[in-house]
Structures are given as C-alpha cells and as structure tokens.
C-alpha cells in the first residue's frame, strides 16, 4: 500500500478512492482507514477534486462528518437509480435515461453529509450519490468494466453465495449490458472531468 502521507497523494490534481470489502467503521481492524479519512478531510477542506466509489464514497461521507453504517439489505447486481433534480442536471444525467443502469455491490450506507447535494437514490438506499464542491461520491459502480468483473466473482464468491446471487446469471446480465455500461461511463466521467476543468479549487 502506498504511503498515505506522501504529498504526491494529498496534493494530487485528482484523487480516486475505490471500493473494498470492509467497512468505514472497522478502523480497529484496518487502521489505515483512519489515515485515509484524515487525508480526505484535508483535501475536502481545500476543495481538491475527489472521486469516491462504493467504499470511497462512504469514506468521503465519514470525512465530512456523516454517519456510515450497515444498510437494510445487501445490494448486489445491475439496477437503476433515480436522480434528484440536481442529479438530472449533473454528469449523472445518463442514468436517468430509459436504459440507464449501474452495478450495485454494497451493504453499507451513509447519511447525507451537511452541505452535500444528493444526486441519486433508489428504493433500498436513500443516498446513492452526492456532490460536495469538486467531489463526486458514488455508492454504486458506474465505472465497472464488464470485461474485468470475473475477478470480482471469484474474490467475492462467499459473499455472493451468502445472499443467493447466481454467478452465472450475474455474468450473463453483465455481458448483455457491457456495451451500454461502457458508453455510459465514458459520458458520465468525461462530463465530470470537463466540469472540473472550469472549477477553481480553494487554496
């Protein structure tokens, strides 16, 4: 693991914080989480761009003082999210289209941080995405590369079996949505990055 104290990380033009099979609240078992949250707090205070996905979004929420906790259901598989008016006007607009779909793979959630703008939700989780200055936090996986998900199926085999998810059905669903998911991700992140180009970080 890279040294989280490295100035190259804290001062990077863009920091991307991805997911993982652990919880934000498991700092006793995984002490690096506390250092990661502290790093995020510093970047958020300076409005330096951050993209958080799944666990990454939960870490951002925690860094902003929001509660992170186990959700009501384990949400795994391809599905839709609904957009708030702010979400529909954001880079997430493609998710509001009839064929808009994302990959869910989480069991934790968070309260909306103070000062954040809620962008997406669904029937299981009230907070699926939010923005905060130059930060974008996504509970779901809009970035998932369908060609590389085979590693996820193997790495999470126990988790999938525990909630009764058929790997063969998930694989088939992924294959059917691959082209749409890839094109959608390009649209979402291209627009977000272009918006960042016109934004001025706070020194």
Protein backbone atom coordinates (compact mmCIF):
# COMPACT_ATOMS: atom_id res chain seq x y z
CA UNK A 1 0.00 0.00 0.00
CA UNK A 2 1.26 3.47 -0.85
CA UNK A 3 2.24 5.79 1.98
CA UNK A 4 -0.83 7.93 2.59
CA UNK A 5 1.43 10.65 4.00
CA UNK A 6 3.10 11.08 0.60
CA UNK A 7 2.49 14.70 -0.53
CA UNK A 8 2.02 13.39 -4.07
CA UNK A 9 -1.23 11.78 -2.90
CA UNK A 10 -2.56 14.58 -0.74
CA UNK A 11 -1.80 17.24 -3.33
CA UNK A 12 -2.68 15.30 -6.47
CA UNK A 13 -4.78 17.07 -9.09
CA UNK A 14 -7.38 14.30 -8.72
CA UNK A 15 -7.75 11.58 -6.11
CA UNK A 16 -9.83 8.49 -6.88
CA UNK A 17 -10.86 6.37 -3.89
CA UNK A 18 -12.23 2.98 -4.84
CA UNK A 19 -14.15 0.23 -3.07
CA UNK A 20 -13.24 -2.72 -0.89
CA UNK A 21 -14.85 -5.48 1.19
CA UNK A 22 -14.52 -3.65 4.51
CA UNK A 23 -16.48 -1.02 6.42
CA UNK A 24 -15.51 2.56 7.23
CA UNK A 25 -16.25 1.79 10.89
CA UNK A 26 -13.69 -1.06 11.03
CA UNK A 27 -10.77 1.21 11.89
CA UNK A 28 -9.59 -1.05 14.73
CA UNK A 29 -9.09 -3.92 12.31
CA UNK A 30 -7.87 -1.72 9.45
CA UNK A 31 -6.03 1.30 10.93
CA UNK A 32 -5.17 2.72 7.51
CA UNK A 33 -8.81 3.77 7.19
CA UNK A 34 -8.27 6.49 9.80
CA UNK A 35 -5.32 7.85 7.85
CA UNK A 36 -7.35 7.74 4.65
CA UNK A 37 -10.20 9.68 6.25
CA UNK A 38 -7.74 12.27 7.58
CA UNK A 39 -6.28 12.63 4.08
CA UNK A 40 -9.76 13.14 2.65
CA UNK A 41 -10.58 15.75 5.30
CA UNK A 42 -7.56 17.79 4.21
CA UNK A 43 -8.43 17.57 0.52
CA UNK A 44 -12.09 18.41 1.15
CA UNK A 45 -11.08 21.47 3.16
CA UNK A 46 -9.13 22.70 0.12
CA UNK A 47 -11.84 21.64 -2.35
CA UNK A 48 -9.35 19.46 -4.21
CA UNK A 49 -11.12 17.06 -6.61
CA UNK A 50 -12.02 13.61 -5.32
CA UNK A 51 -13.95 10.78 -6.93
CA UNK A 52 -15.19 8.23 -4.40
CA UNK A 53 -16.78 4.95 -5.43
CA UNK A 54 -18.52 2.48 -3.10
CA UNK A 55 -16.27 2.36 0.00
CA UNK A 56 -14.68 5.52 -1.37
CA UNK A 57 -18.00 7.36 -1.18
CA UNK A 58 -18.52 6.12 2.38
CA UNK A 59 -15.06 7.32 3.40
CA UNK A 60 -15.83 10.75 1.95
CA UNK A 61 -19.12 10.86 3.85
CA UNK A 62 -17.28 9.98 7.06
CA UNK A 63 -14.63 12.63 6.39
CA UNK A 64 -17.47 15.14 6.10
CA UNK A 65 -18.84 14.10 9.50
CA UNK A 66 -21.71 11.88 8.35
CA UNK A 67 -22.63 8.54 9.88
CA UNK A 68 -21.69 5.38 7.94
CA UNK A 69 -23.47 2.16 8.90
CA UNK A 70 -24.77 -1.21 7.72
CA UNK A 71 -27.72 -0.86 5.36
CA UNK A 72 -31.03 -2.75 5.36
CA UNK A 73 -30.08 -5.14 2.53
CA UNK A 74 -27.06 -6.35 0.64
CA UNK A 75 -27.45 -4.72 -2.76
CA UNK A 76 -25.60 -6.66 -5.48
CA UNK A 77 -26.35 -6.70 -9.20
CA UNK A 78 -27.25 -4.42 -12.08
CA UNK A 79 -30.10 -1.99 -11.49
CA UNK A 80 -31.32 1.54 -11.81
CA UNK A 81 -31.09 4.58 -9.60
CA UNK A 82 -33.43 7.55 -9.55
CA UNK A 83 -31.99 11.03 -9.93
CA UNK A 84 -32.87 14.10 -7.91
CA UNK A 85 -33.40 17.30 -9.94
CA UNK A 86 -29.80 18.18 -9.13
CA UNK A 87 -28.67 14.75 -10.25
CA UNK A 88 -30.55 15.05 -13.54
CA UNK A 89 -28.68 18.29 -14.22
CA UNK A 90 -25.31 16.74 -13.32
CA UNK A 91 -22.88 14.41 -15.05
CA UNK A 92 -25.11 11.54 -13.88
CA UNK A 93 -27.84 12.53 -16.36
CA UNK A 94 -27.32 9.37 -18.48
CA UNK A 95 -28.56 7.31 -15.53
CA UNK A 96 -31.97 8.92 -15.91
CA UNK A 97 -32.39 7.53 -19.42
CA UNK A 98 -34.59 4.51 -20.03
CA UNK A 99 -31.59 2.21 -20.41
CA UNK A 100 -29.54 3.82 -17.63
CA UNK A 101 -28.13 1.15 -15.33
CA UNK A 102 -25.37 0.76 -12.73
CA UNK A 103 -23.72 -2.07 -10.85
CA UNK A 104 -24.60 -2.21 -7.16
CA UNK A 105 -22.25 -4.07 -4.83
CA UNK A 106 -22.54 -2.87 -1.25
CA UNK A 107 -24.19 -3.46 2.10
CA UNK A 108 -23.28 -0.25 3.91
CA UNK A 109 -24.68 3.23 3.52
CA UNK A 110 -24.35 6.74 4.96
CA UNK A 111 -26.31 9.80 5.95
CA UNK A 112 -26.09 12.72 3.55
CA UNK A 113 -23.25 14.96 4.79
CA UNK A 114 -24.07 18.54 5.76
CA UNK A 115 -23.55 20.82 2.80
CA UNK A 116 -23.62 17.98 0.27
CA UNK A 117 -26.06 17.74 -2.64
CA UNK A 118 -27.92 14.45 -3.04
CA UNK A 119 -27.84 13.29 -6.65
CA UNK A 120 -29.30 9.77 -6.71
CA UNK A 121 -31.30 7.26 -4.67
CA UNK A 122 -33.36 4.09 -5.02
CA UNK A 123 -35.85 2.03 -3.05
CA UNK A 124 -33.18 0.39 -0.91
CA UNK A 125 -30.89 3.32 -0.21
CA UNK A 126 -31.79 6.97 0.14
CA UNK A 127 -28.28 8.16 -0.63
CA UNK A 128 -26.73 6.61 -3.73
CA UNK A 129 -24.68 9.60 -4.88
CA UNK A 130 -23.81 13.11 -3.79
CA UNK A 131 -21.58 16.00 -4.69
CA UNK A 132 -19.66 18.33 -2.44
CA UNK A 133 -17.74 21.10 -4.13
CA UNK A 134 -15.30 19.41 -6.52
CA UNK A 135 -16.02 15.99 -5.03
CA UNK A 136 -18.27 13.31 -6.51
CA UNK A 137 -19.29 10.34 -4.34
CA UNK A 138 -20.99 7.30 -5.89
CA UNK A 139 -22.29 4.43 -3.78
CA UNK A 140 -22.72 2.36 -6.96
CA UNK A 141 -20.25 1.34 -9.65
CA UNK A 142 -20.69 3.41 -12.80
CA UNK A 143 -17.05 2.69 -13.61
CA UNK A 144 -17.27 -1.11 -13.57
CA UNK A 145 -15.56 -2.65 -16.58
CA UNK A 146 -17.70 -5.67 -17.52
CA UNK A 147 -14.61 -7.34 -19.03
CA UNK A 148 -12.87 -7.43 -15.64
CA UNK A 149 -15.70 -8.45 -13.35
CA UNK A 150 -14.66 -12.09 -13.44
CA UNK A 151 -12.11 -11.20 -10.74
CA UNK A 152 -14.95 -9.85 -8.59
CA UNK A 153 -16.99 -13.04 -8.96
CA UNK A 154 -14.05 -15.12 -7.72
CA UNK A 155 -12.95 -12.72 -5.00
CA UNK A 156 -16.48 -12.37 -3.58
CA UNK A 157 -17.68 -15.95 -4.03
CA UNK A 158 -18.55 -16.37 -0.33
CA UNK A 159 -20.44 -13.07 -0.22
CA UNK A 160 -22.39 -13.90 -3.39
CA UNK A 161 -23.34 -17.34 -2.11
CA UNK A 162 -24.44 -15.92 1.24
CA UNK A 163 -27.04 -13.67 -0.40
CA UNK A 164 -28.10 -16.21 -3.02
CA UNK A 165 -26.66 -14.46 -6.07
CA UNK A 166 -26.11 -16.75 -9.06
CA UNK A 167 -22.74 -16.02 -10.61
CA UNK A 168 -23.85 -17.41 -13.97
CA UNK A 169 -26.90 -15.14 -14.03
CA UNK A 170 -24.87 -12.11 -12.95
CA UNK A 171 -22.27 -12.91 -15.63
CA UNK A 172 -24.98 -13.17 -18.31
CA UNK A 173 -26.58 -9.90 -17.21
CA UNK A 174 -23.19 -8.22 -17.27
CA UNK A 175 -22.50 -9.45 -20.80
CA UNK A 176 -25.85 -8.12 -22.01
CA UNK A 177 -25.18 -4.68 -20.53
CA UNK A 178 -21.47 -4.38 -21.33
CA UNK A 179 -21.72 -2.03 -24.31
CA UNK A 180 -24.25 0.24 -22.62
CA UNK A 181 -22.30 0.39 -19.35
CA UNK A 182 -19.03 1.28 -21.07
CA UNK A 183 -20.52 4.05 -23.21
CA UNK A 184 -22.45 5.41 -20.23
CA UNK A 185 -19.32 5.54 -18.05
CA UNK A 186 -17.45 7.49 -20.73
CA UNK A 187 -20.27 10.06 -20.88
CA UNK A 188 -20.51 10.44 -17.10
CA UNK A 189 -16.84 10.82 -16.31
CA UNK A 190 -15.99 12.88 -19.39
CA UNK A 191 -18.59 15.45 -18.39
CA UNK A 192 -17.46 15.47 -14.77
CA UNK A 193 -13.82 15.97 -15.72
CA UNK A 194 -14.72 18.79 -18.08
CA UNK A 195 -16.68 20.46 -15.30
CA UNK A 196 -13.63 20.21 -13.06
CA UNK A 197 -11.55 22.00 -15.69
CA UNK A 198 -13.70 25.08 -15.28
CA UNK A 199 -13.83 24.90 -11.48
CA UNK A 200 -11.30 26.69 -9.28
CA UNK A 201 -10.10 24.82 -6.17
CA UNK A 202 -9.97 26.72 -2.91
CA UNK A 203 -6.34 27.29 -1.88
